[in-house]
Amino acid sequence: MSNPVIGVLALQGDVREHLAALTAAGAAVSEIRRPEELAAVDGLVIPGGESTTISKLATAFGLLEPLRDRVRAGLPVYGSCAGMIMLADKILDPRSGQETVGGIDMIVRRNAFGRQNESFEAAVEVAGVDGGPVEGVFIRAPWVESTGARAEVLAVHEGHTVAVRQDHLLATSFHPELTGDHRVHELFVNLVRTSG
């Protein structure tokens, strides 16, 4: 699978930036808004944005259960920031009615690094990404409070887990799509290639 088709969940958030990063990393891309569009992709990105809004829109568009089904069936998925929250099996501090797709045995804390005006960038060493640290953009970012035995910690910043992988699922607290450095997306595209 040299050019896997990777969809970006296009309900809310930084969809265009992920589409551009995935294209640069060698994937064919599509925007996903309806359940039937999920069947045509080899992998999926859940972008950053507002996790409660993404959760509500996924429910309203009839996507939440089909997403859960595809994750259980082995669809490779990468979630950045709000996408990390969506892939968590549990949220420590959910908003009322907030649901996740789940799949990664982890507990996340929403907005753990602070509010919008406390956003920052930091160099982050990510296991599996060659060539030195990636520039992590943290915007109202979550962190991982704890992981289960099957979840592998890929990166830590200031003592907090900020990147994890479990089987065919990848999640980061930060936004690599905003930096022009496509190595995290290349990691995911290669994960999709080897899963297919």
C-alpha atoms as a PDB file:
ATOM      1  CA  MET A   1       0.000   0.000   0.000  1.00  0.00           C
ATOM      2  CA  SER A   2       2.248   2.796  -1.231  1.00  0.00           C
ATOM      3  CA  ASN A   3      -0.322   5.613  -1.118  1.00  0.00           C
ATOM      4  CA  PRO A   4      -2.877   4.719   1.563  1.00  0.00           C
ATOM      5  CA  VAL A   5      -6.112   6.680   1.636  1.00  0.00           C
ATOM      6  CA  ILE A   6      -6.308   8.497   4.956  1.00  0.00           C
ATOM      7  CA  GLY A   7      -9.394  10.415   5.953  1.00  0.00           C
ATOM      8  CA  VAL A   8      -9.540  13.399   8.265  1.00  0.00           C
ATOM      9  CA  LEU A   9     -12.640  13.694  10.420  1.00  0.00           C
ATOM     10  CA  ALA A  10     -13.929  17.012   9.088  1.00  0.00           C
ATOM     11  CA  LEU A  11     -16.508  18.024  11.689  1.00  0.00           C
ATOM     12  CA  GLN A  12     -14.505  20.731  13.450  1.00  0.00           C
ATOM     13  CA  GLY A  13     -10.881  21.658  14.075  1.00  0.00           C
ATOM     14  CA  ASP A  14      -7.675  21.937  12.044  1.00  0.00           C
ATOM     15  CA  VAL A  15      -8.728  19.725   9.134  1.00  0.00           C
ATOM     16  CA  ARG A  16      -6.847  21.522   6.314  1.00  0.00           C
ATOM     17  CA  GLU A  17      -3.527  21.386   8.152  1.00  0.00           C
ATOM     18  CA  HIS A  18      -3.793  17.622   8.633  1.00  0.00           C
ATOM     19  CA  LEU A  19      -4.787  17.114   4.992  1.00  0.00           C
ATOM     20  CA  ALA A  20      -1.679  19.042   3.892  1.00  0.00           C
ATOM     21  CA  ALA A  21       0.641  17.183   6.312  1.00  0.00           C
ATOM     22  CA  LEU A  22      -0.714  13.770   5.267  1.00  0.00           C
ATOM     23  CA  THR A  23      -0.316  14.638   1.581  1.00  0.00           C
ATOM     24  CA  ALA A  24       3.295  15.697   2.234  1.00  0.00           C
ATOM     25  CA  ALA A  25       3.819  12.375   4.066  1.00  0.00           C
ATOM     26  CA  GLY A  26       2.734  10.374   1.009  1.00  0.00           C
ATOM     27  CA  ALA A  27      -0.949   9.645   1.621  1.00  0.00           C
ATOM     28  CA  ALA A  28      -4.005  10.209  -0.521  1.00  0.00           C
ATOM     29  CA  VAL A  29      -6.524  12.149   1.579  1.00  0.00           C
ATOM     30  CA  SER A  30     -10.248  12.666   1.971  1.00  0.00           C
ATOM     31  CA  GLU A  31     -12.537  14.557   4.311  1.00  0.00           C
ATOM     32  CA  ILE A  32     -14.888  12.396   6.396  1.00  0.00           C
ATOM     33  CA  ARG A  33     -18.278  13.737   7.459  1.00  0.00           C
ATOM     34  CA  ARG A  34     -20.649  10.791   6.930  1.00  0.00           C
ATOM     35  CA  PRO A  35     -20.568   7.159   8.120  1.00  0.00           C
ATOM     36  CA  GLU A  36     -20.471   5.739   4.584  1.00  0.00           C
ATOM     37  CA  GLU A  37     -17.262   7.674   3.853  1.00  0.00           C
ATOM     38  CA  LEU A  38     -15.456   5.696   6.569  1.00  0.00           C
ATOM     39  CA  ALA A  39     -15.604   2.545   4.452  1.00  0.00           C
ATOM     40  CA  ALA A  40     -13.341   4.065   1.787  1.00  0.00           C
ATOM     41  CA  VAL A  41     -10.314   4.880   3.985  1.00  0.00           C
ATOM     42  CA  ASP A  42      -7.290   2.880   5.132  1.00  0.00           C
ATOM     43  CA  GLY A  43      -6.693   5.178   8.111  1.00  0.00           C
ATOM     44  CA  LEU A  44      -8.210   8.191   9.854  1.00  0.00           C
ATOM     45  CA  VAL A  45      -7.040  11.333  11.644  1.00  0.00           C
ATOM     46  CA  ILE A  46      -9.145  12.939  14.370  1.00  0.00           C
ATOM     47  CA  PRO A  47      -7.865  16.514  14.438  1.00  0.00           C
ATOM     48  CA  GLY A  48      -7.416  19.001  17.202  1.00  0.00           C
ATOM     49  CA  GLY A  49     -10.283  21.328  17.938  1.00  0.00           C
ATOM     50  CA  GLU A  50     -12.785  21.244  20.777  1.00  0.00           C
ATOM     51  CA  SER A  51     -13.323  17.702  22.040  1.00  0.00           C
ATOM     52  CA  THR A  52     -16.843  18.250  23.360  1.00  0.00           C
ATOM     53  CA  THR A  53     -17.924  19.795  20.046  1.00  0.00           C
ATOM     54  CA  ILE A  54     -16.342  16.964  18.045  1.00  0.00           C
ATOM     55  CA  SER A  55     -18.089  14.439  20.313  1.00  0.00           C
ATOM     56  CA  LYS A  56     -21.491  16.117  19.900  1.00  0.00           C
ATOM     57  CA  LEU A  57     -21.106  16.507  16.134  1.00  0.00           C
ATOM     58  CA  ALA A  58     -19.944  12.901  15.706  1.00  0.00           C
ATOM     59  CA  THR A  59     -23.099  11.811  17.541  1.00  0.00           C
ATOM     60  CA  ALA A  60     -25.335  14.181  15.544  1.00  0.00           C
ATOM     61  CA  PHE A  61     -23.850  13.016  12.202  1.00  0.00           C
ATOM     62  CA  GLY A  62     -24.280   9.355  13.156  1.00  0.00           C
ATOM     63  CA  LEU A  63     -20.505   8.796  13.170  1.00  0.00           C
ATOM     64  CA  LEU A  64     -19.749   7.822  16.755  1.00  0.00           C
ATOM     65  CA  GLU A  65     -20.815   4.171  16.643  1.00  0.00           C
ATOM     66  CA  PRO A  66     -19.381   3.545  13.141  1.00  0.00           C
ATOM     67  CA  LEU A  67     -16.084   5.068  14.328  1.00  0.00           C
ATOM     68  CA  ARG A  68     -16.055   2.790  17.365  1.00  0.00           C
ATOM     69  CA  ASP A  69     -16.798  -0.202  15.129  1.00  0.00           C
ATOM     70  CA  ARG A  70     -13.953   0.651  12.720  1.00  0.00           C
ATOM     71  CA  VAL A  71     -11.491   1.182  15.602  1.00  0.00           C
ATOM     72  CA  ARG A  72     -12.447  -2.197  17.097  1.00  0.00           C
ATOM     73  CA  ALA A  73     -12.009  -3.758  13.638  1.00  0.00           C
ATOM     74  CA  GLY A  74      -8.430  -2.429  13.411  1.00  0.00           C
ATOM     75  CA  LEU A  75      -8.681   0.859  11.483  1.00  0.00           C
ATOM     76  CA  PRO A  76      -5.475   2.846  12.156  1.00  0.00           C
ATOM     77  CA  VAL A  77      -6.384   6.198  13.725  1.00  0.00           C
ATOM     78  CA  TYR A  78      -4.231   9.151  14.789  1.00  0.00           C
ATOM     79  CA  GLY A  79      -5.641  11.775  17.143  1.00  0.00           C
ATOM     80  CA  SER A  80      -3.960  15.100  17.897  1.00  0.00           C
ATOM     81  CA  CYS A  81      -4.978  17.167  20.943  1.00  0.00           C
ATOM     82  CA  ALA A  82      -8.801  16.865  20.948  1.00  0.00           C
ATOM     83  CA  GLY A  83      -8.272  13.737  18.853  1.00  0.00           C
ATOM     84  CA  MET A  84      -6.220  12.273  21.707  1.00  0.00           C
ATOM     85  CA  ILE A  85      -9.180  12.881  24.028  1.00  0.00           C
ATOM     86  CA  MET A  86     -11.505  11.189  21.522  1.00  0.00           C
ATOM     87  CA  LEU A  87      -9.274   8.072  21.438  1.00  0.00           C
ATOM     88  CA  ALA A  88      -9.061   7.767  25.232  1.00  0.00           C
ATOM     89  CA  ASP A  89     -11.022   5.037  26.956  1.00  0.00           C
ATOM     90  CA  LYS A  90     -11.641   7.482  29.813  1.00  0.00           C
ATOM     91  CA  ILE A  91     -11.629  11.253  30.382  1.00  0.00           C
ATOM     92  CA  LEU A  92     -10.755  12.359  33.907  1.00  0.00           C
ATOM     93  CA  ASP A  93     -12.849  15.546  33.684  1.00  0.00           C
ATOM     94  CA  PRO A  94     -15.449  15.120  30.915  1.00  0.00           C
ATOM     95  CA  ARG A  95     -18.019  17.752  30.062  1.00  0.00           C
ATOM     96  CA  SER A  96     -21.604  16.667  30.647  1.00  0.00           C
ATOM     97  CA  GLY A  97     -22.594  14.085  28.031  1.00  0.00           C
ATOM     98  CA  GLN A  98     -19.121  13.999  26.423  1.00  0.00           C
ATOM     99  CA  GLU A  99     -18.348  10.654  24.800  1.00  0.00           C
ATOM    100  CA  THR A 100     -15.224   9.252  23.204  1.00  0.00           C
ATOM    101  CA  VAL A 101     -14.496   6.801  20.424  1.00  0.00           C
ATOM    102  CA  GLY A 102     -12.066   5.054  22.771  1.00  0.00           C
ATOM    103  CA  GLY A 103      -9.540   2.398  21.850  1.00  0.00           C
ATOM    104  CA  ILE A 104      -6.467   3.487  23.795  1.00  0.00           C
ATOM    105  CA  ASP A 105      -6.265   2.242  27.361  1.00  0.00           C
ATOM    106  CA  MET A 106      -5.533   5.633  28.907  1.00  0.00           C
ATOM    107  CA  ILE A 107      -7.093   8.289  31.091  1.00  0.00           C
ATOM    108  CA  VAL A 108      -6.675  11.852  29.814  1.00  0.00           C
ATOM    109  CA  ARG A 109      -7.121  15.234  31.470  1.00  0.00           C
ATOM    110  CA  ARG A 110      -8.645  17.918  29.246  1.00  0.00           C
ATOM    111  CA  ASN A 111      -6.918  21.351  29.033  1.00  0.00           C
ATOM    112  CA  ALA A 112      -4.246  20.023  31.397  1.00  0.00           C
ATOM    113  CA  PHE A 113      -1.521  22.405  30.216  1.00  0.00           C
ATOM    114  CA  GLY A 114      -3.742  25.455  30.747  1.00  0.00           C
ATOM    115  CA  ARG A 115      -6.041  27.826  28.919  1.00  0.00           C
ATOM    116  CA  GLN A 116      -5.671  29.300  25.425  1.00  0.00           C
ATOM    117  CA  ASN A 117      -3.396  32.133  26.607  1.00  0.00           C
ATOM    118  CA  GLU A 118      -1.081  29.559  28.200  1.00  0.00           C
ATOM    119  CA  SER A 119      -0.424  27.802  24.886  1.00  0.00           C
ATOM    120  CA  PHE A 120       3.242  27.128  24.101  1.00  0.00           C
ATOM    121  CA  GLU A 121       5.701  25.347  21.842  1.00  0.00           C
ATOM    122  CA  ALA A 122       8.329  22.887  23.033  1.00  0.00           C
ATOM    123  CA  ALA A 123      10.800  20.423  21.555  1.00  0.00           C
ATOM    124  CA  VAL A 124       9.539  16.885  22.179  1.00  0.00           C
ATOM    125  CA  GLU A 125      11.469  13.643  21.681  1.00  0.00           C
ATOM    126  CA  VAL A 126       9.037  11.116  20.183  1.00  0.00           C
ATOM    127  CA  ALA A 127       9.986   7.432  20.117  1.00  0.00           C
ATOM    128  CA  GLY A 128       9.885   6.135  16.557  1.00  0.00           C
ATOM    129  CA  VAL A 129      10.542   9.559  15.018  1.00  0.00           C
ATOM    130  CA  ASP A 130      14.102   9.886  13.743  1.00  0.00           C
ATOM    131  CA  GLY A 131      16.054  13.105  13.276  1.00  0.00           C
ATOM    132  CA  GLY A 132      15.805  14.704  16.716  1.00  0.00           C
ATOM    133  CA  PRO A 133      12.913  16.278  18.605  1.00  0.00           C
ATOM    134  CA  VAL A 134       9.729  17.503  16.951  1.00  0.00           C
ATOM    135  CA  GLU A 135       8.330  20.945  17.684  1.00  0.00           C
ATOM    136  CA  GLY A 136       5.196  20.393  19.723  1.00  0.00           C
ATOM    137  CA  VAL A 137       2.500  23.070  19.611  1.00  0.00           C
ATOM    138  CA  PHE A 138       0.400  22.773  22.775  1.00  0.00           C
ATOM    139  CA  ILE A 139      -2.937  24.627  22.585  1.00  0.00           C
ATOM    140  CA  ARG A 140      -5.272  23.988  25.556  1.00  0.00           C
ATOM    141  CA  ALA A 141      -3.635  20.584  25.380  1.00  0.00           C
ATOM    142  CA  PRO A 142      -4.540  17.463  27.331  1.00  0.00           C
ATOM    143  CA  TRP A 143      -2.073  15.144  28.946  1.00  0.00           C
ATOM    144  CA  VAL A 144      -2.289  11.469  29.780  1.00  0.00           C
ATOM    145  CA  GLU A 145      -2.861  10.832  33.474  1.00  0.00           C
ATOM    146  CA  SER A 146      -2.260   7.094  33.233  1.00  0.00           C
ATOM    147  CA  THR A 147      -1.962   4.276  30.705  1.00  0.00           C
ATOM    148  CA  GLY A 148      -2.869   0.619  30.802  1.00  0.00           C
ATOM    149  CA  ALA A 149      -0.484  -2.219  30.039  1.00  0.00           C
ATOM    150  CA  ARG A 150      -1.141  -2.226  26.281  1.00  0.00           C
ATOM    151  CA  ALA A 151      -0.538   1.489  25.718  1.00  0.00           C
ATOM    152  CA  GLU A 152       3.045   2.472  24.886  1.00  0.00           C
ATOM    153  CA  VAL A 153       4.289   5.901  25.975  1.00  0.00           C
ATOM    154  CA  LEU A 154       6.100   7.571  23.061  1.00  0.00           C
ATOM    155  CA  ALA A 155       6.804  11.028  24.506  1.00  0.00           C
ATOM    156  CA  VAL A 156       6.879  12.863  27.824  1.00  0.00           C
ATOM    157  CA  HIS A 157       7.007  16.625  28.419  1.00  0.00           C
ATOM    158  CA  GLU A 158       7.653  18.064  31.893  1.00  0.00           C
ATOM    159  CA  GLY A 159       6.834  14.713  33.470  1.00  0.00           C
ATOM    160  CA  HIS A 160       3.541  14.259  31.613  1.00  0.00           C
ATOM    161  CA  THR A 161       2.800  11.738  28.866  1.00  0.00           C
ATOM    162  CA  VAL A 162       2.053  13.606  25.622  1.00  0.00           C
ATOM    163  CA  ALA A 163       2.224  10.851  22.970  1.00  0.00           C
ATOM    164  CA  VAL A 164       1.025   7.253  23.083  1.00  0.00           C
ATOM    165  CA  ARG A 165       0.519   4.319  20.779  1.00  0.00           C
ATOM    166  CA  GLN A 166      -1.591   1.231  21.242  1.00  0.00           C
ATOM    167  CA  ASP A 167      -1.529  -1.262  18.378  1.00  0.00           C
ATOM    168  CA  HIS A 168      -3.044   0.598  15.379  1.00  0.00           C
ATOM    169  CA  LEU A 169      -3.831   3.792  17.313  1.00  0.00           C
ATOM    170  CA  LEU A 170      -1.594   6.849  17.807  1.00  0.00           C
ATOM    171  CA  ALA A 171      -2.275  10.003  19.819  1.00  0.00           C
ATOM    172  CA  THR A 172      -0.420  13.216  20.668  1.00  0.00           C
ATOM    173  CA  SER A 173      -1.300  16.075  23.030  1.00  0.00           C
ATOM    174  CA  PHE A 174       0.322  18.498  20.631  1.00  0.00           C
ATOM    175  CA  HIS A 175      -0.300  19.640  17.051  1.00  0.00           C
ATOM    176  CA  PRO A 176       2.503  18.524  14.675  1.00  0.00           C
ATOM    177  CA  GLU A 177       0.347  19.576  11.710  1.00  0.00           C
ATOM    178  CA  LEU A 178       0.933  23.247  12.581  1.00  0.00           C
ATOM    179  CA  THR A 179       4.736  23.168  12.314  1.00  0.00           C
ATOM    180  CA  GLY A 180       5.664  22.121   8.767  1.00  0.00           C
ATOM    181  CA  ASP A 181       7.492  19.097  10.223  1.00  0.00           C
ATOM    182  CA  HIS A 182       5.694  16.049   8.830  1.00  0.00           C
ATOM    183  CA  ARG A 183       7.596  13.301  10.692  1.00  0.00           C
ATOM    184  CA  VAL A 184       4.724  12.405  13.058  1.00  0.00           C
ATOM    185  CA  HIS A 185       2.403  12.146  10.057  1.00  0.00           C
ATOM    186  CA  GLU A 186       5.017   9.994   8.299  1.00  0.00           C
ATOM    187  CA  LEU A 187       5.048   7.749  11.387  1.00  0.00           C
ATOM    188  CA  PHE A 188       1.273   7.405  11.097  1.00  0.00           C
ATOM    189  CA  VAL A 189       1.278   6.868   7.327  1.00  0.00           C
ATOM    190  CA  ASN A 190       3.830   4.066   7.817  1.00  0.00           C
ATOM    191  CA  LEU A 191       1.624   2.597  10.568  1.00  0.00           C
ATOM    192  CA  VAL A 192      -1.277   2.572   8.086  1.00  0.00           C
ATOM    193  CA  ARG A 193       0.920   0.948   5.419  1.00  0.00           C
ATOM    194  CA  THR A 194       2.026  -1.850   7.733  1.00  0.00           C
ATOM    195  CA  SER A 195      -1.496  -2.404   9.071  1.00  0.00           C
ATOM    196  CA  GLY A 196      -2.998  -2.932   5.629  1.00  0.00           C
END
